[in-house]
Amino acid sequence: MRVLVDTCVIIDALQSRVPFAEAAEKIFIYSANKHFEGYITAKSVTDIYYLIHRFTHNDAETRKILSKLFTLFHLLDTTSLDCRKAISSEITDYEDALMVETAIRSEMDCIITRNVKDYVKSSFKVYEPSGFLKLLEVEKEPE
């Protein structure tokens, strides 16, 4: 399964944000153990860098964290076509519309985010971290 992970989930894990960290950290572990193919957008990397740097106040440490992140998650480019399609999306939050367009073009199976309410007008599969983890547990059960 190919999964696009939203910035908020990455930051939840990296900054141990309570009460979201536990599920986000499990997403990292499941990605590392190849239970699914995890992806983040190259566009989100700049946001992640900014937020982590504000947390660490250390450029070298922030870059080290990003390097580790790149071993857990593949990177997806956002294209000009994604940007153009997102403009006419029914999803009102442009950034979320851009995530959906990138996910569709890149043939992702779903998006994981804490912000599922903003994706209501999307026909694309979107899960909260806990819902996605439950889905993985069901798939792991023997038949």
N, C-alpha and C. Protein backbone atom coordinates (compact mmCIF):
# COMPACT_ATOMS: atom_id res chain seq x y z
N MET A 1 0.85 -1.18 0.00
CA MET A 1 0.00 0.00 0.00
C MET A 1 0.90 1.24 0.00
N ARG A 2 0.56 2.19 -0.85
CA ARG A 2 1.32 3.44 -0.97
C ARG A 2 0.54 4.55 -0.27
N VAL A 3 1.20 5.19 0.71
CA VAL A 3 0.51 6.10 1.61
C VAL A 3 1.23 7.45 1.69
N LEU A 4 0.48 8.52 1.49
CA LEU A 4 1.02 9.88 1.63
C LEU A 4 0.71 10.36 3.05
N VAL A 5 1.76 10.71 3.79
CA VAL A 5 1.63 11.12 5.19
C VAL A 5 1.71 12.65 5.26
N ASP A 6 0.73 13.24 5.90
CA ASP A 6 0.65 14.69 6.02
C ASP A 6 1.67 15.21 7.04
N THR A 7 2.04 16.46 6.87
CA THR A 7 3.02 17.12 7.73
C THR A 7 2.65 17.03 9.21
N CYS A 8 1.39 17.21 9.53
CA CYS A 8 0.98 17.20 10.95
C CYS A 8 1.33 15.88 11.63
N VAL A 9 1.20 14.77 10.91
CA VAL A 9 1.52 13.47 11.50
C VAL A 9 3.02 13.34 11.73
N ILE A 10 3.81 13.83 10.79
CA ILE A 10 5.26 13.80 10.93
C ILE A 10 5.69 14.62 12.15
N ILE A 11 5.15 15.81 12.27
CA ILE A 11 5.50 16.70 13.39
C ILE A 11 5.01 16.12 14.72
N ASP A 12 3.85 15.50 14.73
CA ASP A 12 3.35 14.86 15.96
C ASP A 12 4.37 13.86 16.49
N ALA A 13 4.94 13.07 15.59
CA ALA A 13 5.92 12.06 16.01
C ALA A 13 7.24 12.71 16.41
N LEU A 14 7.73 13.62 15.59
CA LEU A 14 9.04 14.21 15.85
C LEU A 14 9.08 15.09 17.10
N GLN A 15 7.95 15.72 17.42
CA GLN A 15 7.90 16.59 18.59
C GLN A 15 7.16 15.95 19.77
N SER A 16 6.81 14.69 19.63
CA SER A 16 6.10 13.96 20.70
C SER A 16 4.88 14.73 21.20
N ARG A 17 4.07 15.22 20.28
CA ARG A 17 2.88 16.00 20.65
C ARG A 17 1.82 15.09 21.26
N VAL A 18 1.48 15.37 22.49
CA VAL A 18 0.44 14.63 23.20
C VAL A 18 -0.90 15.25 22.82
N PRO A 19 -1.93 14.50 22.52
CA PRO A 19 -2.08 13.05 22.61
C PRO A 19 -1.86 12.33 21.28
N PHE A 20 -1.26 12.99 20.30
CA PHE A 20 -1.17 12.45 18.95
C PHE A 20 0.09 11.63 18.69
N ALA A 21 1.10 11.77 19.52
CA ALA A 21 2.42 11.18 19.25
C ALA A 21 2.39 9.66 19.13
N GLU A 22 1.65 9.00 19.99
CA GLU A 22 1.68 7.53 20.00
C GLU A 22 1.30 6.95 18.63
N ALA A 23 0.19 7.40 18.09
CA ALA A 23 -0.26 6.89 16.78
C ALA A 23 0.73 7.30 15.69
N ALA A 24 1.22 8.54 15.73
CA ALA A 24 2.17 9.02 14.72
C ALA A 24 3.47 8.23 14.77
N GLU A 25 3.94 7.92 15.97
CA GLU A 25 5.17 7.14 16.11
C GLU A 25 4.98 5.73 15.57
N LYS A 26 3.80 5.16 15.75
CA LYS A 26 3.51 3.84 15.19
C LYS A 26 3.52 3.88 13.66
N ILE A 27 3.06 4.99 13.09
CA ILE A 27 3.11 5.16 11.64
C ILE A 27 4.57 5.09 11.18
N PHE A 28 5.47 5.75 11.90
CA PHE A 28 6.90 5.71 11.58
C PHE A 28 7.42 4.26 11.65
N ILE A 29 7.07 3.56 12.71
CA ILE A 29 7.55 2.19 12.91
C ILE A 29 7.02 1.27 11.80
N TYR A 30 5.75 1.39 11.48
CA TYR A 30 5.16 0.55 10.43
C TYR A 30 5.79 0.86 9.07
N SER A 31 6.11 2.12 8.82
CA SER A 31 6.77 2.47 7.57
C SER A 31 8.19 1.88 7.56
N ALA A 32 8.91 2.00 8.66
CA ALA A 32 10.27 1.45 8.75
C ALA A 32 10.27 -0.06 8.56
N ASN A 33 9.23 -0.72 9.04
CA ASN A 33 9.12 -2.18 8.93
C ASN A 33 8.43 -2.64 7.65
N LYS A 34 8.23 -1.70 6.74
CA LYS A 34 7.70 -1.97 5.40
C LYS A 34 6.29 -2.59 5.40
N HIS A 35 5.47 -2.19 6.39
CA HIS A 35 4.07 -2.61 6.40
C HIS A 35 3.28 -1.84 5.34
N PHE A 36 3.84 -0.73 4.90
CA PHE A 36 3.30 0.06 3.80
C PHE A 36 4.45 0.92 3.26
N GLU A 37 4.27 1.49 2.08
CA GLU A 37 5.25 2.41 1.51
C GLU A 37 4.84 3.82 1.90
N GLY A 38 5.62 4.45 2.74
CA GLY A 38 5.30 5.79 3.21
C GLY A 38 5.94 6.87 2.34
N TYR A 39 5.19 7.92 2.10
CA TYR A 39 5.65 9.05 1.29
C TYR A 39 5.32 10.36 1.99
N ILE A 40 6.15 11.36 1.75
CA ILE A 40 5.85 12.74 2.11
C ILE A 40 6.13 13.58 0.87
N THR A 41 5.53 14.75 0.80
CA THR A 41 5.79 15.60 -0.36
C THR A 41 7.05 16.43 -0.12
N ALA A 42 7.76 16.70 -1.20
CA ALA A 42 8.93 17.57 -1.11
C ALA A 42 8.52 18.94 -0.59
N LYS A 43 7.31 19.36 -0.94
CA LYS A 43 6.79 20.64 -0.46
C LYS A 43 6.66 20.63 1.06
N SER A 44 6.26 19.52 1.64
CA SER A 44 6.09 19.46 3.09
C SER A 44 7.44 19.47 3.83
N VAL A 45 8.50 19.07 3.14
CA VAL A 45 9.82 19.03 3.78
C VAL A 45 10.24 20.41 4.28
N THR A 46 9.93 21.44 3.51
CA THR A 46 10.30 22.80 3.96
C THR A 46 9.52 23.18 5.21
N ASP A 47 8.26 22.79 5.27
CA ASP A 47 7.45 23.06 6.47
C ASP A 47 7.99 22.27 7.66
N ILE A 48 8.35 21.01 7.42
CA ILE A 48 8.88 20.17 8.49
C ILE A 48 10.21 20.75 8.99
N TYR A 49 11.07 21.15 8.05
CA TYR A 49 12.34 21.77 8.45
C TYR A 49 12.09 22.97 9.35
N TYR A 50 11.21 23.86 8.92
CA TYR A 50 10.92 25.08 9.67
C TYR A 50 10.42 24.75 11.09
N LEU A 51 9.47 23.83 11.19
CA LEU A 51 8.89 23.50 12.49
C LEU A 51 9.88 22.78 13.41
N ILE A 52 10.67 21.90 12.84
CA ILE A 52 11.67 21.19 13.65
C ILE A 52 12.78 22.15 14.08
N HIS A 53 13.20 23.03 13.18
CA HIS A 53 14.25 23.99 13.53
C HIS A 53 13.78 24.92 14.66
N ARG A 54 12.52 25.31 14.63
CA ARG A 54 11.97 26.13 15.73
C ARG A 54 12.01 25.36 17.04
N PHE A 55 11.88 24.05 16.95
CA PHE A 55 11.87 23.18 18.12
C PHE A 55 13.30 22.94 18.64
N THR A 56 14.26 22.70 17.73
CA THR A 56 15.63 22.35 18.12
C THR A 56 16.55 23.56 18.24
N HIS A 57 16.25 24.63 17.47
CA HIS A 57 17.12 25.81 17.39
C HIS A 57 18.53 25.44 16.94
N ASN A 58 18.61 24.39 16.12
CA ASN A 58 19.93 23.90 15.71
C ASN A 58 19.82 23.37 14.28
N ASP A 59 20.48 24.04 13.34
CA ASP A 59 20.41 23.65 11.93
C ASP A 59 20.95 22.25 11.69
N ALA A 60 22.12 21.94 12.27
CA ALA A 60 22.74 20.63 12.06
C ALA A 60 21.83 19.50 12.58
N GLU A 61 21.24 19.71 13.75
CA GLU A 61 20.34 18.70 14.32
C GLU A 61 19.08 18.55 13.46
N THR A 62 18.56 19.65 12.99
CA THR A 62 17.37 19.61 12.14
C THR A 62 17.66 18.84 10.85
N ARG A 63 18.79 19.09 10.25
CA ARG A 63 19.16 18.39 9.01
C ARG A 63 19.38 16.90 9.27
N LYS A 64 19.91 16.57 10.43
CA LYS A 64 20.10 15.16 10.81
C LYS A 64 18.74 14.46 10.94
N ILE A 65 17.80 15.15 11.54
CA ILE A 65 16.44 14.61 11.68
C ILE A 65 15.81 14.40 10.30
N LEU A 66 15.97 15.38 9.41
CA LEU A 66 15.44 15.24 8.05
C LEU A 66 16.09 14.05 7.33
N SER A 67 17.38 13.88 7.48
CA SER A 67 18.07 12.75 6.85
C SER A 67 17.49 11.42 7.30
N LYS A 68 17.23 11.30 8.59
CA LYS A 68 16.61 10.08 9.12
C LYS A 68 15.20 9.91 8.56
N LEU A 69 14.48 11.02 8.48
CA LEU A 69 13.12 10.99 7.93
C LEU A 69 13.12 10.47 6.50
N PHE A 70 14.13 10.87 5.73
CA PHE A 70 14.23 10.44 4.33
C PHE A 70 14.54 8.95 4.20
N THR A 71 15.00 8.32 5.27
CA THR A 71 15.20 6.87 5.22
C THR A 71 13.89 6.12 5.51
N LEU A 72 12.96 6.80 6.16
CA LEU A 72 11.67 6.18 6.49
C LEU A 72 10.60 6.41 5.44
N PHE A 73 10.68 7.56 4.78
CA PHE A 73 9.64 7.96 3.83
C PHE A 73 10.26 8.38 2.50
N HIS A 74 9.62 7.96 1.41
CA HIS A 74 10.01 8.40 0.08
C HIS A 74 9.50 9.83 -0.12
N LEU A 75 10.10 10.54 -1.06
CA LEU A 75 9.68 11.91 -1.36
C LEU A 75 8.92 11.96 -2.67
N LEU A 76 7.84 12.73 -2.67
CA LEU A 76 7.05 12.97 -3.87
C LEU A 76 7.17 14.42 -4.28
N ASP A 77 7.39 14.66 -5.55
CA ASP A 77 7.38 16.03 -6.06
C ASP A 77 5.95 16.47 -6.29
N THR A 78 5.70 17.73 -6.08
CA THR A 78 4.43 18.35 -6.44
C THR A 78 4.68 19.09 -7.75
N THR A 79 3.85 18.85 -8.73
CA THR A 79 4.07 19.42 -10.06
C THR A 79 3.21 20.65 -10.29
N SER A 80 3.52 21.35 -11.36
CA SER A 80 2.71 22.51 -11.74
C SER A 80 1.29 22.08 -12.06
N LEU A 81 1.12 20.89 -12.65
CA LEU A 81 -0.22 20.40 -12.95
C LEU A 81 -1.02 20.15 -11.66
N ASP A 82 -0.35 19.62 -10.63
CA ASP A 82 -1.01 19.43 -9.33
C ASP A 82 -1.51 20.78 -8.81
N CYS A 83 -0.66 21.79 -8.91
CA CYS A 83 -1.01 23.13 -8.43
C CYS A 83 -2.22 23.68 -9.20
N ARG A 84 -2.21 23.49 -10.49
CA ARG A 84 -3.31 24.01 -11.32
C ARG A 84 -4.63 23.27 -11.04
N LYS A 85 -4.55 21.96 -10.88
CA LYS A 85 -5.76 21.19 -10.59
C LYS A 85 -6.32 21.54 -9.21
N ALA A 86 -5.44 21.77 -8.26
CA ALA A 86 -5.88 22.09 -6.89
C ALA A 86 -6.66 23.40 -6.84
N ILE A 87 -6.35 24.32 -7.76
CA ILE A 87 -7.06 25.61 -7.80
C ILE A 87 -8.56 25.41 -7.99
N SER A 88 -8.92 24.45 -8.83
CA SER A 88 -10.35 24.25 -9.13
C SER A 88 -10.98 23.15 -8.28
N SER A 89 -10.27 22.68 -7.28
CA SER A 89 -10.79 21.63 -6.41
C SER A 89 -11.94 22.13 -5.55
N GLU A 90 -12.83 21.22 -5.19
CA GLU A 90 -13.90 21.55 -4.26
C GLU A 90 -13.40 21.59 -2.82
N ILE A 91 -12.20 21.11 -2.59
CA ILE A 91 -11.61 21.16 -1.25
C ILE A 91 -11.21 22.61 -1.01
N THR A 92 -11.74 23.21 0.04
CA THR A 92 -11.55 24.65 0.25
C THR A 92 -10.14 25.02 0.70
N ASP A 93 -9.46 24.15 1.41
CA ASP A 93 -8.09 24.43 1.84
C ASP A 93 -7.15 24.05 0.69
N TYR A 94 -6.49 25.04 0.11
CA TYR A 94 -5.67 24.82 -1.07
C TYR A 94 -4.55 23.81 -0.81
N GLU A 95 -3.92 23.89 0.35
CA GLU A 95 -2.83 22.97 0.68
C GLU A 95 -3.32 21.52 0.70
N ASP A 96 -4.52 21.30 1.23
CA ASP A 96 -5.10 19.96 1.26
C ASP A 96 -5.48 19.51 -0.14
N ALA A 97 -6.01 20.43 -0.94
CA ALA A 97 -6.34 20.11 -2.34
C ALA A 97 -5.08 19.71 -3.10
N LEU A 98 -3.99 20.39 -2.81
CA LEU A 98 -2.71 20.08 -3.44
C LEU A 98 -2.22 18.69 -3.03
N MET A 99 -2.41 18.33 -1.77
CA MET A 99 -2.05 16.98 -1.30
C MET A 99 -2.82 15.92 -2.08
N VAL A 100 -4.13 16.15 -2.25
CA VAL A 100 -4.96 15.18 -2.96
C VAL A 100 -4.50 15.05 -4.41
N GLU A 101 -4.27 16.16 -5.07
CA GLU A 101 -3.84 16.11 -6.48
C GLU A 101 -2.50 15.40 -6.62
N THR A 102 -1.58 15.66 -5.71
CA THR A 102 -0.28 14.99 -5.73
C THR A 102 -0.46 13.49 -5.49
N ALA A 103 -1.33 13.14 -4.54
CA ALA A 103 -1.59 11.74 -4.22
C ALA A 103 -2.22 11.00 -5.40
N ILE A 104 -3.16 11.64 -6.06
CA ILE A 104 -3.82 11.01 -7.21
C ILE A 104 -2.81 10.77 -8.33
N ARG A 105 -2.08 11.81 -8.69
CA ARG A 105 -1.10 11.69 -9.78
C ARG A 105 -0.04 10.65 -9.47
N SER A 106 0.35 10.55 -8.22
CA SER A 106 1.41 9.63 -7.80
C SER A 106 0.89 8.23 -7.47
N GLU A 107 -0.39 8.03 -7.69
CA GLU A 107 -1.04 6.72 -7.47
C GLU A 107 -0.90 6.22 -6.04
N MET A 108 -1.12 7.13 -5.10
CA MET A 108 -1.17 6.75 -3.69
C MET A 108 -2.50 6.04 -3.43
N ASP A 109 -2.52 5.22 -2.40
CA ASP A 109 -3.76 4.55 -2.01
C ASP A 109 -4.58 5.38 -1.03
N CYS A 110 -3.89 6.20 -0.24
CA CYS A 110 -4.59 7.03 0.73
C CYS A 110 -3.67 8.10 1.29
N ILE A 111 -4.27 9.00 2.04
CA ILE A 111 -3.54 10.04 2.77
C ILE A 111 -3.81 9.82 4.26
N ILE A 112 -2.77 10.00 5.07
CA ILE A 112 -2.94 9.96 6.53
C ILE A 112 -2.77 11.38 7.05
N THR A 113 -3.77 11.86 7.78
CA THR A 113 -3.73 13.20 8.35
C THR A 113 -4.60 13.25 9.59
N ARG A 114 -4.35 14.21 10.45
CA ARG A 114 -5.28 14.46 11.56
C ARG A 114 -6.39 15.38 11.12
N ASN A 115 -6.26 15.94 9.95
CA ASN A 115 -7.14 16.99 9.47
C ASN A 115 -8.20 16.45 8.48
N VAL A 116 -8.81 15.32 8.78
CA VAL A 116 -9.72 14.68 7.82
C VAL A 116 -10.94 15.53 7.47
N LYS A 117 -11.35 16.41 8.36
CA LYS A 117 -12.56 17.22 8.10
C LYS A 117 -12.39 18.11 6.86
N ASP A 118 -11.16 18.52 6.58
CA ASP A 118 -10.93 19.36 5.40
C ASP A 118 -10.98 18.59 4.09
N TYR A 119 -11.03 17.27 4.17
CA TYR A 119 -11.05 16.43 2.98
C TYR A 119 -12.44 15.87 2.67
N VAL A 120 -13.45 16.38 3.34
CA VAL A 120 -14.81 15.86 3.20
C VAL A 120 -15.28 15.87 1.75
N LYS A 121 -14.92 16.91 1.01
CA LYS A 121 -15.37 17.02 -0.38
C LYS A 121 -14.50 16.24 -1.36
N SER A 122 -13.55 15.49 -0.85
CA SER A 122 -12.68 14.69 -1.70
C SER A 122 -13.18 13.26 -1.76
N SER A 123 -13.08 12.65 -2.92
CA SER A 123 -13.45 11.24 -3.05
C SER A 123 -12.24 10.34 -2.75
N PHE A 124 -11.09 10.96 -2.49
CA PHE A 124 -9.87 10.22 -2.20
C PHE A 124 -9.92 9.68 -0.77
N LYS A 125 -9.36 8.50 -0.54
CA LYS A 125 -9.35 7.91 0.81
C LYS A 125 -8.41 8.68 1.72
N VAL A 126 -8.95 9.09 2.86
CA VAL A 126 -8.18 9.84 3.85
C VAL A 126 -8.47 9.22 5.21
N TYR A 127 -7.41 8.96 5.98
CA TYR A 127 -7.55 8.35 7.30
C TYR A 127 -6.84 9.18 8.36
N GLU A 128 -7.41 9.17 9.55
CA GLU A 128 -6.68 9.67 10.71
C GLU A 128 -5.66 8.58 11.05
N PRO A 129 -4.57 8.94 11.72
CA PRO A 129 -3.55 7.92 12.04
C PRO A 129 -4.12 6.69 12.75
N SER A 130 -4.98 6.88 13.74
CA SER A 130 -5.53 5.73 14.47
C SER A 130 -6.39 4.85 13.55
N GLY A 131 -7.15 5.45 12.66
CA GLY A 131 -7.96 4.69 11.71
C GLY A 131 -7.11 3.90 10.74
N PHE A 132 -6.02 4.52 10.30
CA PHE A 132 -5.10 3.82 9.40
C PHE A 132 -4.44 2.64 10.10
N LEU A 133 -4.04 2.83 11.35
CA LEU A 133 -3.42 1.75 12.11
C LEU A 133 -4.39 0.59 12.29
N LYS A 134 -5.66 0.89 12.53
CA LYS A 134 -6.67 -0.17 12.63
C LYS A 134 -6.79 -0.92 11.31
N LEU A 135 -6.76 -0.20 10.21
CA LEU A 135 -6.81 -0.81 8.88
C LEU A 135 -5.63 -1.76 8.68
N LEU A 136 -4.44 -1.35 9.08
CA LEU A 136 -3.27 -2.21 8.96
C LEU A 136 -3.39 -3.46 9.83
N GLU A 137 -3.91 -3.29 11.03
CA GLU A 137 -4.10 -4.44 11.93
C GLU A 137 -5.05 -5.45 11.33
N VAL A 138 -6.12 -4.99 10.71
CA VAL A 138 -7.09 -5.89 10.06
C VAL A 138 -6.42 -6.63 8.92
N GLU A 139 -5.60 -5.93 8.15
CA GLU A 139 -4.92 -6.56 7.01
C GLU A 139 -3.90 -7.60 7.47
N LYS A 140 -3.32 -7.43 8.67
CA LYS A 140 -2.31 -8.35 9.19
C LYS A 140 -2.92 -9.63 9.78
N GLU A 141 -4.23 -9.56 10.11
CA GLU A 141 -4.87 -10.72 10.74
C GLU A 141 -4.91 -11.89 9.77
N PRO A 142 -4.62 -13.10 10.28
CA PRO A 142 -4.70 -14.29 9.41
C PRO A 142 -6.13 -14.58 9.03
N GLU A 143 -6.30 -15.09 7.85
CA GLU A 143 -7.68 -15.37 7.36
C GLU A 143 -8.19 -16.69 7.84
